[in-house]
Amino acid sequence: MRWIEPLALLDAPLPGTLPLQGGPRHFALARLIEDGAARAVLPAAAIPPDWQDLLPPLVEAPLPFAGLPAGRPLVMGIVNVTPDSFSGDGVGAAAAIARGEAMLAAGADILDIGGESTRPGADPVPPEEECRRILPVLRALAPLAPVSVDTRHAATMAAALAAGARIVNDVTALRHDPGAVAVVRDAGVPVAIMHMPGTDPRTMQAAARYDDVVLEVAGFLRDRVAALEAAGIPRHRIAVDPGIGFGKTIEHNLALLERLPLLAGIGCPLLVGLSRKRFLGTLAGIPEAGQRVVPSIAGALFAVCQGAAILRVHDVAETVQALAVWRAAASGHGGPREG
């Protein structure tokens, strides 16, 4: 298996640099990786002819995800309709609707509605209960903005799509439920697929063992995209998520963030969800999840600098504000948010 890993990312093009997925970030160097070993580090413009076939998905912009504005990071607001969310923001239907409306007012592009906690050790929720929790919220918010349903269950996906959801977000990459692939394929909707060891959040941390976490996560996602394409879900409808915190240690999470540009070679938009996660609390010395806004923003901005196209966050207003400043600083000019 071969990879081209972009290195030395810049905020503007210079002679000899190449764009990262057609965006504003450009890379000056590239590490050539074959069968898990680094073969060379070269100027981006000097990639050998026999490696050139890997360049198009790395340098060309993917089609806009779910038809949403391209050219800037998208903000996906998390709406948990659960009693046991790790971040302490799980609420009932009325409060969830109000939270979603507030996120849209603050600038969210997508609302991600979930009724089952996927924190480490969380108990599973049957689809019937999941639907009971999320469908009233989804029906209220779907007319206002693109809504994603965060679920592992095909029955929940089908019910949510019938109620107005436009995107499926599955932490198991459509592996948990044998019917999930057909639901997504037949509905013709975009899907976000994530890496996690296995398909059960209760046991994923016990499987946090990798020789090279970045190459193994990237290989899993590339293989999974290929399998979904073969099953009838085109690549342009898929976003990939490295699964920060899902079956990973602090060191694994940091390695994935540092080397996130490698995943751009899959040719799909990169979704990153690190908001309020435990490793941020450990790094920043903040045990309470709801108090991790600042480290969450820091992580989100770093992910964007590494090529993230979609940020899944709890704190929408703060993220939107931080992105506005980052874009102005990176481009050298300000102005109102577009799209």
C-alpha atoms as a PDB file:
ATOM      1  CA  MET A   1       0.000   0.000   0.000  1.00  0.00           C
ATOM      2  CA  ARG A   2       1.321   3.405  -0.993  1.00  0.00           C
ATOM      3  CA  TRP A   3       0.643   6.852   0.447  1.00  0.00           C
ATOM      4  CA  ILE A   4       1.821  10.370  -0.276  1.00  0.00           C
ATOM      5  CA  GLU A   5       1.931  12.294   2.998  1.00  0.00           C
ATOM      6  CA  PRO A   6       1.882  16.096   2.613  1.00  0.00           C
ATOM      7  CA  LEU A   7       4.442  17.938   4.748  1.00  0.00           C
ATOM      8  CA  ALA A   8       5.372  21.604   5.340  1.00  0.00           C
ATOM      9  CA  LEU A   9       1.856  23.012   4.912  1.00  0.00           C
ATOM     10  CA  LEU A  10       1.521  26.708   4.035  1.00  0.00           C
ATOM     11  CA  ASP A  11      -1.380  29.170   3.991  1.00  0.00           C
ATOM     12  CA  ALA A  12      -0.709  30.309   0.422  1.00  0.00           C
ATOM     13  CA  PRO A  13       0.732  28.849  -2.759  1.00  0.00           C
ATOM     14  CA  LEU A  14       4.409  29.282  -3.511  1.00  0.00           C
ATOM     15  CA  PRO A  15       6.384  28.038  -6.515  1.00  0.00           C
ATOM     16  CA  GLY A  16       6.658  24.268  -6.330  1.00  0.00           C
ATOM     17  CA  THR A  17       3.859  23.750  -3.777  1.00  0.00           C
ATOM     18  CA  LEU A  18       0.674  21.759  -4.345  1.00  0.00           C
ATOM     19  CA  PRO A  19      -2.839  22.413  -2.963  1.00  0.00           C
ATOM     20  CA  LEU A  20      -4.252  20.129  -0.289  1.00  0.00           C
ATOM     21  CA  GLN A  21      -7.604  18.927  -1.680  1.00  0.00           C
ATOM     22  CA  GLY A  22      -7.923  22.092  -3.746  1.00  0.00           C
ATOM     23  CA  GLY A  23      -8.110  24.290  -0.664  1.00  0.00           C
ATOM     24  CA  PRO A  24      -6.113  27.252   0.593  1.00  0.00           C
ATOM     25  CA  ARG A  25      -3.501  25.075   2.283  1.00  0.00           C
ATOM     26  CA  HIS A  26      -0.526  24.026   0.157  1.00  0.00           C
ATOM     27  CA  PHE A  27       2.253  21.559   0.872  1.00  0.00           C
ATOM     28  CA  ALA A  28       5.871  22.071  -0.038  1.00  0.00           C
ATOM     29  CA  LEU A  29       7.198  18.593   0.774  1.00  0.00           C
ATOM     30  CA  ALA A  30       5.868  15.052   0.514  1.00  0.00           C
ATOM     31  CA  ARG A  31       6.803  11.827   2.284  1.00  0.00           C
ATOM     32  CA  LEU A  32       6.481   8.748   0.081  1.00  0.00           C
ATOM     33  CA  ILE A  33       5.304   5.729   2.085  1.00  0.00           C
ATOM     34  CA  GLU A  34       5.176   2.165   0.793  1.00  0.00           C
ATOM     35  CA  ASP A  35       4.172  -0.920   2.769  1.00  0.00           C
ATOM     36  CA  GLY A  36       4.364   1.024   6.024  1.00  0.00           C
ATOM     37  CA  ALA A  37       7.884   2.380   5.476  1.00  0.00           C
ATOM     38  CA  ALA A  38       8.985   5.879   4.490  1.00  0.00           C
ATOM     39  CA  ARG A  39      10.840   5.685   1.162  1.00  0.00           C
ATOM     40  CA  ALA A  40      11.749   9.347   0.660  1.00  0.00           C
ATOM     41  CA  VAL A  41      10.936  12.947   1.539  1.00  0.00           C
ATOM     42  CA  LEU A  42      10.896  15.112  -1.574  1.00  0.00           C
ATOM     43  CA  PRO A  43       9.765  18.549  -2.754  1.00  0.00           C
ATOM     44  CA  ALA A  44       6.085  18.313  -3.709  1.00  0.00           C
ATOM     45  CA  ALA A  45       6.940  19.229  -7.292  1.00  0.00           C
ATOM     46  CA  ALA A  46       9.433  16.345  -7.519  1.00  0.00           C
ATOM     47  CA  ILE A  47       7.096  13.421  -6.841  1.00  0.00           C
ATOM     48  CA  PRO A  48       8.222  10.623  -9.209  1.00  0.00           C
ATOM     49  CA  PRO A  49       6.078   9.709 -12.234  1.00  0.00           C
ATOM     50  CA  ASP A  50       5.271   6.247 -10.867  1.00  0.00           C
ATOM     51  CA  TRP A  51       3.662   7.890  -7.799  1.00  0.00           C
ATOM     52  CA  GLN A  52       1.671  10.467  -9.726  1.00  0.00           C
ATOM     53  CA  ASP A  53      -1.489   8.354  -9.755  1.00  0.00           C
ATOM     54  CA  LEU A  54      -1.882   9.082  -6.025  1.00  0.00           C
ATOM     55  CA  LEU A  55      -1.919  12.856  -6.536  1.00  0.00           C
ATOM     56  CA  PRO A  56      -5.412  13.595  -7.949  1.00  0.00           C
ATOM     57  CA  PRO A  57      -7.427  12.717  -4.801  1.00  0.00           C
ATOM     58  CA  LEU A  58      -4.827  14.519  -2.695  1.00  0.00           C
ATOM     59  CA  VAL A  59      -4.727  17.817  -4.601  1.00  0.00           C
ATOM     60  CA  GLU A  60      -8.183  18.079  -6.212  1.00  0.00           C
ATOM     61  CA  ALA A  61     -11.146  19.435  -4.268  1.00  0.00           C
ATOM     62  CA  PRO A  62     -13.837  16.856  -3.417  1.00  0.00           C
ATOM     63  CA  LEU A  63     -17.347  17.731  -4.473  1.00  0.00           C
ATOM     64  CA  PRO A  64     -19.166  19.841  -1.850  1.00  0.00           C
ATOM     65  CA  PHE A  65     -20.381  17.572   0.941  1.00  0.00           C
ATOM     66  CA  ALA A  66     -24.190  17.375   1.036  1.00  0.00           C
ATOM     67  CA  GLY A  67     -24.320  20.319  -1.371  1.00  0.00           C
ATOM     68  CA  LEU A  68     -23.080  22.674   1.354  1.00  0.00           C
ATOM     69  CA  PRO A  69     -20.768  25.659   0.739  1.00  0.00           C
ATOM     70  CA  ALA A  70     -17.257  24.728  -0.318  1.00  0.00           C
ATOM     71  CA  GLY A  71     -14.069  26.610   0.312  1.00  0.00           C
ATOM     72  CA  ARG A  72     -14.330  26.944   4.080  1.00  0.00           C
ATOM     73  CA  PRO A  73     -14.588  24.542   7.019  1.00  0.00           C
ATOM     74  CA  LEU A  74     -18.150  23.474   7.837  1.00  0.00           C
ATOM     75  CA  VAL A  75     -19.378  23.463  11.420  1.00  0.00           C
ATOM     76  CA  MET A  76     -21.506  20.503  12.527  1.00  0.00           C
ATOM     77  CA  GLY A  77     -23.330  21.216  15.784  1.00  0.00           C
ATOM     78  CA  ILE A  78     -23.836  18.262  18.145  1.00  0.00           C
ATOM     79  CA  VAL A  79     -27.370  17.805  19.477  1.00  0.00           C
ATOM     80  CA  ASN A  80     -27.416  14.956  21.997  1.00  0.00           C
ATOM     81  CA  VAL A  81     -30.861  13.644  22.931  1.00  0.00           C
ATOM     82  CA  THR A  82     -29.478  11.280  25.543  1.00  0.00           C
ATOM     83  CA  PRO A  83     -29.390  11.068  29.340  1.00  0.00           C
ATOM     84  CA  ASP A  84     -25.746   9.906  29.437  1.00  0.00           C
ATOM     85  CA  SER A  85     -23.693  12.037  27.053  1.00  0.00           C
ATOM     86  CA  PHE A  86     -20.013  12.136  28.056  1.00  0.00           C
ATOM     87  CA  SER A  87     -19.960  15.899  27.560  1.00  0.00           C
ATOM     88  CA  GLY A  88     -22.821  16.559  29.954  1.00  0.00           C
ATOM     89  CA  ASP A  89     -25.035  18.106  27.285  1.00  0.00           C
ATOM     90  CA  GLY A  90     -27.568  15.313  26.818  1.00  0.00           C
ATOM     91  CA  VAL A  91     -31.099  16.704  27.063  1.00  0.00           C
ATOM     92  CA  GLY A  92     -34.736  15.929  26.301  1.00  0.00           C
ATOM     93  CA  ALA A  93     -36.583  16.823  23.116  1.00  0.00           C
ATOM     94  CA  ALA A  94     -37.725  20.375  23.920  1.00  0.00           C
ATOM     95  CA  ALA A  95     -34.302  21.454  25.168  1.00  0.00           C
ATOM     96  CA  ALA A  96     -32.609  19.737  22.220  1.00  0.00           C
ATOM     97  CA  ILE A  97     -34.776  21.646  19.754  1.00  0.00           C
ATOM     98  CA  ALA A  98     -33.944  24.921  21.476  1.00  0.00           C
ATOM     99  CA  ARG A  99     -30.255  24.012  21.462  1.00  0.00           C
ATOM    100  CA  GLY A 100     -30.348  23.211  17.755  1.00  0.00           C
ATOM    101  CA  GLU A 101     -32.071  26.497  16.947  1.00  0.00           C
ATOM    102  CA  ALA A 102     -29.440  28.373  18.962  1.00  0.00           C
ATOM    103  CA  MET A 103     -26.648  26.562  17.095  1.00  0.00           C
ATOM    104  CA  LEU A 104     -28.133  27.551  13.751  1.00  0.00           C
ATOM    105  CA  ALA A 105     -28.408  31.151  14.885  1.00  0.00           C
ATOM    106  CA  ALA A 106     -24.744  30.990  15.886  1.00  0.00           C
ATOM    107  CA  GLY A 107     -23.684  29.791  12.432  1.00  0.00           C
ATOM    108  CA  ALA A 108     -23.841  25.987  12.364  1.00  0.00           C
ATOM    109  CA  ASP A 109     -23.944  24.504   8.855  1.00  0.00           C
ATOM    110  CA  ILE A 110     -25.203  21.051   9.924  1.00  0.00           C
ATOM    111  CA  LEU A 111     -26.937  19.708  13.024  1.00  0.00           C
ATOM    112  CA  ASP A 112     -25.932  16.191  14.069  1.00  0.00           C
ATOM    113  CA  ILE A 113     -28.721  14.601  16.129  1.00  0.00           C
ATOM    114  CA  GLY A 114     -28.060  11.457  18.127  1.00  0.00           C
ATOM    115  CA  GLY A 115     -29.981   9.379  20.637  1.00  0.00           C
ATOM    116  CA  GLU A 116     -27.323   6.878  21.701  1.00  0.00           C
ATOM    117  CA  SER A 117     -24.162   7.764  23.588  1.00  0.00           C
ATOM    118  CA  THR A 118     -21.020   6.287  22.048  1.00  0.00           C
ATOM    119  CA  ARG A 119     -18.686   7.236  24.901  1.00  0.00           C
ATOM    120  CA  PRO A 120     -16.370   4.433  26.084  1.00  0.00           C
ATOM    121  CA  GLY A 121     -18.365   1.911  28.091  1.00  0.00           C
ATOM    122  CA  ALA A 122     -21.761   3.315  27.103  1.00  0.00           C
ATOM    123  CA  ASP A 123     -24.708   0.900  27.144  1.00  0.00           C
ATOM    124  CA  PRO A 124     -26.362   0.270  23.768  1.00  0.00           C
ATOM    125  CA  VAL A 125     -29.749   1.804  22.981  1.00  0.00           C
ATOM    126  CA  PRO A 126     -32.243  -0.171  20.866  1.00  0.00           C
ATOM    127  CA  PRO A 127     -33.453   1.518  17.672  1.00  0.00           C
ATOM    128  CA  GLU A 128     -36.993   1.890  19.024  1.00  0.00           C
ATOM    129  CA  GLU A 129     -35.798   3.983  21.963  1.00  0.00           C
ATOM    130  CA  GLU A 130     -33.333   5.854  19.782  1.00  0.00           C
ATOM    131  CA  CYS A 131     -36.151   6.838  17.406  1.00  0.00           C
ATOM    132  CA  ARG A 132     -38.400   7.843  20.277  1.00  0.00           C
ATOM    133  CA  ARG A 133     -35.727  10.240  21.462  1.00  0.00           C
ATOM    134  CA  ILE A 134     -34.609  11.809  18.208  1.00  0.00           C
ATOM    135  CA  LEU A 135     -37.543  11.896  15.790  1.00  0.00           C
ATOM    136  CA  PRO A 136     -39.448  14.789  17.436  1.00  0.00           C
ATOM    137  CA  VAL A 137     -36.224  16.803  17.471  1.00  0.00           C
ATOM    138  CA  LEU A 138     -35.382  15.910  13.909  1.00  0.00           C
ATOM    139  CA  ARG A 139     -38.835  16.803  12.591  1.00  0.00           C
ATOM    140  CA  ALA A 140     -38.607  20.219  14.237  1.00  0.00           C
ATOM    141  CA  LEU A 141     -35.088  21.036  13.033  1.00  0.00           C
ATOM    142  CA  ALA A 142     -34.912  19.399   9.589  1.00  0.00           C
ATOM    143  CA  PRO A 143     -36.937  22.178   7.893  1.00  0.00           C
ATOM    144  CA  LEU A 144     -34.434  24.744   9.192  1.00  0.00           C
ATOM    145  CA  ALA A 145     -31.089  23.290   8.070  1.00  0.00           C
ATOM    146  CA  PRO A 146     -29.317  20.130   6.893  1.00  0.00           C
ATOM    147  CA  VAL A 147     -29.649  17.530   9.639  1.00  0.00           C
ATOM    148  CA  SER A 148     -27.434  14.505  10.143  1.00  0.00           C
ATOM    149  CA  VAL A 149     -28.553  11.458  12.099  1.00  0.00           C
ATOM    150  CA  ASP A 150     -25.846  10.018  14.344  1.00  0.00           C
ATOM    151  CA  THR A 151     -26.641   6.311  14.588  1.00  0.00           C
ATOM    152  CA  ARG A 152     -25.312   2.770  14.088  1.00  0.00           C
ATOM    153  CA  HIS A 153     -28.743   1.277  13.391  1.00  0.00           C
ATOM    154  CA  ALA A 154     -30.298   0.835   9.946  1.00  0.00           C
ATOM    155  CA  ALA A 155     -33.847   1.147  11.287  1.00  0.00           C
ATOM    156  CA  THR A 156     -33.017   4.464  12.921  1.00  0.00           C
ATOM    157  CA  MET A 157     -31.320   5.683   9.743  1.00  0.00           C
ATOM    158  CA  ALA A 158     -34.406   4.839   7.679  1.00  0.00           C
ATOM    159  CA  ALA A 159     -36.817   6.480  10.133  1.00  0.00           C
ATOM    160  CA  ALA A 160     -34.653   9.597  10.413  1.00  0.00           C
ATOM    161  CA  LEU A 161     -34.303   9.968   6.650  1.00  0.00           C
ATOM    162  CA  ALA A 162     -38.073   9.596   6.272  1.00  0.00           C
ATOM    163  CA  ALA A 163     -38.484  12.358   8.860  1.00  0.00           C
ATOM    164  CA  GLY A 164     -36.226  14.777   6.977  1.00  0.00           C
ATOM    165  CA  ALA A 165     -32.591  13.955   7.801  1.00  0.00           C
ATOM    166  CA  ARG A 166     -30.242  14.539   4.862  1.00  0.00           C
ATOM    167  CA  ILE A 167     -27.023  12.913   6.103  1.00  0.00           C
ATOM    168  CA  VAL A 168     -26.089   9.725   7.960  1.00  0.00           C
ATOM    169  CA  ASN A 169     -23.201   9.764  10.450  1.00  0.00           C
ATOM    170  CA  ASP A 170     -22.150   6.285  11.593  1.00  0.00           C
ATOM    171  CA  VAL A 171     -19.279   5.791  14.038  1.00  0.00           C
ATOM    172  CA  THR A 172     -18.973   2.183  12.859  1.00  0.00           C
ATOM    173  CA  ALA A 173     -18.616   3.098   9.157  1.00  0.00           C
ATOM    174  CA  LEU A 174     -21.812   1.189   8.258  1.00  0.00           C
ATOM    175  CA  ARG A 175     -20.452  -2.058   9.734  1.00  0.00           C
ATOM    176  CA  HIS A 176     -22.576  -2.548  12.849  1.00  0.00           C
ATOM    177  CA  ASP A 177     -25.901  -3.190  11.142  1.00  0.00           C
ATOM    178  CA  PRO A 178     -26.005  -5.386   8.001  1.00  0.00           C
ATOM    179  CA  GLY A 179     -28.846  -3.288   6.593  1.00  0.00           C
ATOM    180  CA  ALA A 180     -27.129   0.087   6.938  1.00  0.00           C
ATOM    181  CA  VAL A 181     -25.333   0.112   3.589  1.00  0.00           C
ATOM    182  CA  ALA A 182     -28.552  -0.541   1.678  1.00  0.00           C
ATOM    183  CA  VAL A 183     -30.401   2.215   3.545  1.00  0.00           C
ATOM    184  CA  VAL A 184     -27.757   4.800   2.677  1.00  0.00           C
ATOM    185  CA  ARG A 185     -27.345   3.566  -0.894  1.00  0.00           C
ATOM    186  CA  ASP A 186     -31.047   3.473  -1.680  1.00  0.00           C
ATOM    187  CA  ALA A 187     -31.712   6.870  -0.089  1.00  0.00           C
ATOM    188  CA  GLY A 188     -28.904   8.462  -2.108  1.00  0.00           C
ATOM    189  CA  VAL A 189     -27.731  10.525   0.859  1.00  0.00           C
ATOM    190  CA  PRO A 190     -24.241  11.548   2.000  1.00  0.00           C
ATOM    191  CA  VAL A 191     -22.636   9.562   4.799  1.00  0.00           C
ATOM    192  CA  ALA A 192     -19.828  10.202   7.274  1.00  0.00           C
ATOM    193  CA  ILE A 193     -17.883   7.069   8.189  1.00  0.00           C
ATOM    194  CA  MET A 194     -15.559   6.842  11.166  1.00  0.00           C
ATOM    195  CA  HIS A 195     -12.751   4.580  12.296  1.00  0.00           C
ATOM    196  CA  MET A 196     -13.115   2.688  15.540  1.00  0.00           C
ATOM    197  CA  PRO A 197     -11.821  -0.746  16.547  1.00  0.00           C
ATOM    198  CA  GLY A 198     -14.799  -3.055  16.247  1.00  0.00           C
ATOM    199  CA  THR A 199     -18.356  -1.765  16.397  1.00  0.00           C
ATOM    200  CA  ASP A 200     -19.079  -1.689  20.137  1.00  0.00           C
ATOM    201  CA  PRO A 201     -18.203   1.440  22.163  1.00  0.00           C
ATOM    202  CA  ARG A 202     -18.169  -0.683  25.330  1.00  0.00           C
ATOM    203  CA  THR A 203     -15.005  -2.486  24.260  1.00  0.00           C
ATOM    204  CA  MET A 204     -13.246  -0.119  21.841  1.00  0.00           C
ATOM    205  CA  GLN A 205     -10.673   1.228  24.311  1.00  0.00           C
ATOM    206  CA  ALA A 206      -9.415  -2.286  25.027  1.00  0.00           C
ATOM    207  CA  ALA A 207      -8.450  -2.507  21.341  1.00  0.00           C
ATOM    208  CA  ALA A 208      -6.333   0.666  21.297  1.00  0.00           C
ATOM    209  CA  ARG A 209      -3.237  -1.101  19.937  1.00  0.00           C
ATOM    210  CA  TYR A 210      -1.539  -0.062  16.703  1.00  0.00           C
ATOM    211  CA  ASP A 211       1.881  -0.370  15.080  1.00  0.00           C
ATOM    212  CA  ASP A 212       1.291   2.906  13.224  1.00  0.00           C
ATOM    213  CA  VAL A 213      -2.066   4.386  14.149  1.00  0.00           C
ATOM    214  CA  VAL A 214      -2.113   6.869  11.264  1.00  0.00           C
ATOM    215  CA  LEU A 215      -1.403   4.341   8.535  1.00  0.00           C
ATOM    216  CA  GLU A 216      -3.783   1.795  10.058  1.00  0.00           C
ATOM    217  CA  VAL A 217      -6.635   4.296  10.394  1.00  0.00           C
ATOM    218  CA  ALA A 218      -5.983   5.631   6.899  1.00  0.00           C
ATOM    219  CA  GLY A 219      -5.882   2.110   5.475  1.00  0.00           C
ATOM    220  CA  PHE A 220      -9.132   1.185   7.192  1.00  0.00           C
ATOM    221  CA  LEU A 221     -10.896   4.265   5.845  1.00  0.00           C
ATOM    222  CA  ARG A 222      -9.528   3.839   2.333  1.00  0.00           C
ATOM    223  CA  ASP A 223     -10.619   0.200   2.277  1.00  0.00           C
ATOM    224  CA  ARG A 224     -14.012   1.080   3.690  1.00  0.00           C
ATOM    225  CA  VAL A 225     -14.587   3.781   1.073  1.00  0.00           C
ATOM    226  CA  ALA A 226     -13.675   1.278  -1.641  1.00  0.00           C
ATOM    227  CA  ALA A 227     -16.109  -1.279  -0.194  1.00  0.00           C
ATOM    228  CA  LEU A 228     -18.918   1.266  -0.067  1.00  0.00           C
ATOM    229  CA  GLU A 229     -18.204   2.344  -3.634  1.00  0.00           C
ATOM    230  CA  ALA A 230     -18.423  -1.302  -4.712  1.00  0.00           C
ATOM    231  CA  ALA A 231     -21.764  -1.520  -2.870  1.00  0.00           C
ATOM    232  CA  GLY A 232     -23.175   1.446  -4.802  1.00  0.00           C
ATOM    233  CA  ILE A 233     -22.357   4.475  -2.600  1.00  0.00           C
ATOM    234  CA  PRO A 234     -20.195   6.829  -4.684  1.00  0.00           C
ATOM    235  CA  ARG A 235     -17.075   8.365  -3.177  1.00  0.00           C
ATOM    236  CA  HIS A 236     -18.380  11.912  -3.627  1.00  0.00           C
ATOM    237  CA  ARG A 237     -21.105  11.165  -1.047  1.00  0.00           C
ATOM    238  CA  ILE A 238     -18.647  10.005   1.651  1.00  0.00           C
ATOM    239  CA  ALA A 239     -16.795  11.957   4.342  1.00  0.00           C
ATOM    240  CA  VAL A 240     -14.167  10.203   6.463  1.00  0.00           C
ATOM    241  CA  ASP A 241     -13.516  10.657  10.178  1.00  0.00           C
ATOM    242  CA  PRO A 242     -10.365   9.319  11.902  1.00  0.00           C
ATOM    243  CA  GLY A 243     -12.322   8.711  15.118  1.00  0.00           C
ATOM    244  CA  ILE A 244     -10.416  10.835  17.605  1.00  0.00           C
ATOM    245  CA  GLY A 245     -10.921   9.251  21.045  1.00  0.00           C
ATOM    246  CA  PHE A 246     -12.561   6.096  19.715  1.00  0.00           C
ATOM    247  CA  GLY A 247     -10.241   3.250  20.654  1.00  0.00           C
ATOM    248  CA  LYS A 248      -7.235   5.580  20.837  1.00  0.00           C
ATOM    249  CA  THR A 249      -4.856   6.795  23.524  1.00  0.00           C
ATOM    250  CA  ILE A 250      -3.728  10.398  23.916  1.00  0.00           C
ATOM    251  CA  GLU A 251      -0.651   9.605  21.845  1.00  0.00           C
ATOM    252  CA  HIS A 252      -2.785   8.058  19.092  1.00  0.00           C
ATOM    253  CA  ASN A 253      -5.087  11.095  19.002  1.00  0.00           C
ATOM    254  CA  LEU A 254      -2.168  13.511  18.744  1.00  0.00           C
ATOM    255  CA  ALA A 255      -0.508  11.469  16.004  1.00  0.00           C
ATOM    256  CA  LEU A 256      -3.718  11.479  13.970  1.00  0.00           C
ATOM    257  CA  LEU A 257      -4.038  15.256  14.283  1.00  0.00           C
ATOM    258  CA  GLU A 258      -0.398  15.851  13.400  1.00  0.00           C
ATOM    259  CA  ARG A 259      -0.554  13.634  10.305  1.00  0.00           C
ATOM    260  CA  LEU A 260      -4.143  14.344   9.275  1.00  0.00           C
ATOM    261  CA  PRO A 261      -3.083  15.526   5.780  1.00  0.00           C
ATOM    262  CA  LEU A 262      -2.197  11.945   4.866  1.00  0.00           C
ATOM    263  CA  LEU A 263      -5.897  11.043   5.037  1.00  0.00           C
ATOM    264  CA  ALA A 264      -6.642  13.622   2.334  1.00  0.00           C
ATOM    265  CA  GLY A 265      -5.244  11.090  -0.133  1.00  0.00           C
ATOM    266  CA  ILE A 266      -8.467   9.084   0.243  1.00  0.00           C
ATOM    267  CA  GLY A 267     -10.191  11.801  -1.775  1.00  0.00           C
ATOM    268  CA  CYS A 268     -13.035  12.500   0.653  1.00  0.00           C
ATOM    269  CA  PRO A 269     -13.737  15.489   2.914  1.00  0.00           C
ATOM    270  CA  LEU A 270     -12.151  15.061   6.346  1.00  0.00           C
ATOM    271  CA  LEU A 271     -14.481  15.274   9.351  1.00  0.00           C
ATOM    272  CA  VAL A 272     -12.874  15.756  12.766  1.00  0.00           C
ATOM    273  CA  GLY A 273     -14.706  15.490  16.081  1.00  0.00           C
ATOM    274  CA  LEU A 274     -12.580  16.209  19.132  1.00  0.00           C
ATOM    275  CA  SER A 275     -14.878  18.601  20.966  1.00  0.00           C
ATOM    276  CA  ARG A 276     -14.687  18.325  24.787  1.00  0.00           C
ATOM    277  CA  LYS A 277     -12.998  14.926  24.646  1.00  0.00           C
ATOM    278  CA  ARG A 278     -11.150  13.419  27.577  1.00  0.00           C
ATOM    279  CA  PHE A 279      -7.676  13.673  26.086  1.00  0.00           C
ATOM    280  CA  LEU A 280      -8.137  17.440  25.799  1.00  0.00           C
ATOM    281  CA  GLY A 281      -9.077  17.558  29.465  1.00  0.00           C
ATOM    282  CA  THR A 282      -5.993  15.553  30.345  1.00  0.00           C
ATOM    283  CA  LEU A 283      -3.717  17.819  28.321  1.00  0.00           C
ATOM    284  CA  ALA A 284      -5.279  21.021  29.649  1.00  0.00           C
ATOM    285  CA  GLY A 285      -5.941  19.849  33.209  1.00  0.00           C
ATOM    286  CA  ILE A 286      -9.738  20.222  32.930  1.00  0.00           C
ATOM    287  CA  PRO A 287     -11.618  17.200  34.333  1.00  0.00           C
ATOM    288  CA  GLU A 288     -15.110  18.603  33.655  1.00  0.00           C
ATOM    289  CA  ALA A 289     -16.113  18.010  30.010  1.00  0.00           C
ATOM    290  CA  GLY A 290     -18.360  21.044  29.807  1.00  0.00           C
ATOM    291  CA  GLN A 291     -15.437  23.321  30.721  1.00  0.00           C
ATOM    292  CA  ARG A 292     -13.227  22.223  27.806  1.00  0.00           C
ATOM    293  CA  VAL A 293     -14.258  24.942  25.362  1.00  0.00           C
ATOM    294  CA  VAL A 294     -10.814  26.525  25.006  1.00  0.00           C
ATOM    295  CA  PRO A 295      -8.880  23.286  24.358  1.00  0.00           C
ATOM    296  CA  SER A 296     -11.661  22.201  21.999  1.00  0.00           C
ATOM    297  CA  ILE A 297     -11.268  25.407  19.966  1.00  0.00           C
ATOM    298  CA  ALA A 298      -7.489  25.016  19.928  1.00  0.00           C
ATOM    299  CA  GLY A 299      -7.809  21.458  18.643  1.00  0.00           C
ATOM    300  CA  ALA A 300     -10.406  22.437  16.054  1.00  0.00           C
ATOM    301  CA  LEU A 301      -8.230  25.212  14.598  1.00  0.00           C
ATOM    302  CA  PHE A 302      -5.235  22.892  14.448  1.00  0.00           C
ATOM    303  CA  ALA A 303      -7.371  20.301  12.617  1.00  0.00           C
ATOM    304  CA  VAL A 304      -8.437  22.924  10.082  1.00  0.00           C
ATOM    305  CA  CYS A 305      -4.795  23.859   9.519  1.00  0.00           C
ATOM    306  CA  GLN A 306      -4.180  20.161   8.795  1.00  0.00           C
ATOM    307  CA  GLY A 307      -6.976  19.909   6.237  1.00  0.00           C
ATOM    308  CA  ALA A 308     -10.193  19.208   8.179  1.00  0.00           C
ATOM    309  CA  ALA A 309     -13.242  20.184   6.109  1.00  0.00           C
ATOM    310  CA  ILE A 310     -15.932  19.550   8.733  1.00  0.00           C
ATOM    311  CA  LEU A 311     -15.700  20.181  12.474  1.00  0.00           C
ATOM    312  CA  ARG A 312     -18.139  18.331  14.748  1.00  0.00           C
ATOM    313  CA  VAL A 313     -18.497  20.533  17.836  1.00  0.00           C
ATOM    314  CA  HIS A 314     -20.572  21.241  20.929  1.00  0.00           C
ATOM    315  CA  ASP A 315     -19.677  24.935  21.140  1.00  0.00           C
ATOM    316  CA  VAL A 316     -20.829  26.339  17.821  1.00  0.00           C
ATOM    317  CA  ALA A 317     -20.702  30.074  18.493  1.00  0.00           C
ATOM    318  CA  GLU A 318     -17.165  29.939  19.843  1.00  0.00           C
ATOM    319  CA  THR A 319     -15.997  27.747  16.962  1.00  0.00           C
ATOM    320  CA  VAL A 320     -17.547  29.991  14.304  1.00  0.00           C
ATOM    321  CA  GLN A 321     -15.953  33.063  15.882  1.00  0.00           C
ATOM    322  CA  ALA A 322     -12.541  31.398  16.090  1.00  0.00           C
ATOM    323  CA  LEU A 323     -12.750  30.281  12.461  1.00  0.00           C
ATOM    324  CA  ALA A 324     -13.604  33.823  11.349  1.00  0.00           C
ATOM    325  CA  VAL A 325     -10.442  35.147  13.001  1.00  0.00           C
ATOM    326  CA  TRP A 326      -8.339  32.271  11.663  1.00  0.00           C
ATOM    327  CA  ARG A 327      -9.569  32.827   8.088  1.00  0.00           C
ATOM    328  CA  ALA A 328      -8.920  36.551   8.289  1.00  0.00           C
ATOM    329  CA  ALA A 329      -5.418  36.020   9.650  1.00  0.00           C
ATOM    330  CA  ALA A 330      -4.603  33.326   7.111  1.00  0.00           C
ATOM    331  CA  SER A 331      -5.896  35.315   4.135  1.00  0.00           C
ATOM    332  CA  GLY A 332      -4.825  38.766   5.273  1.00  0.00           C
ATOM    333  CA  HIS A 333      -8.293  40.285   5.028  1.00  0.00           C
ATOM    334  CA  GLY A 334     -11.517  40.170   6.983  1.00  0.00           C
ATOM    335  CA  GLY A 335     -15.149  40.490   6.085  1.00  0.00           C
ATOM    336  CA  PRO A 336     -18.530  38.908   6.852  1.00  0.00           C
ATOM    337  CA  ARG A 337     -18.865  35.168   6.863  1.00  0.00           C
ATOM    338  CA  GLU A 338     -19.992  33.853   3.496  1.00  0.00           C
ATOM    339  CA  GLY A 339     -22.307  30.933   2.811  1.00  0.00           C
END
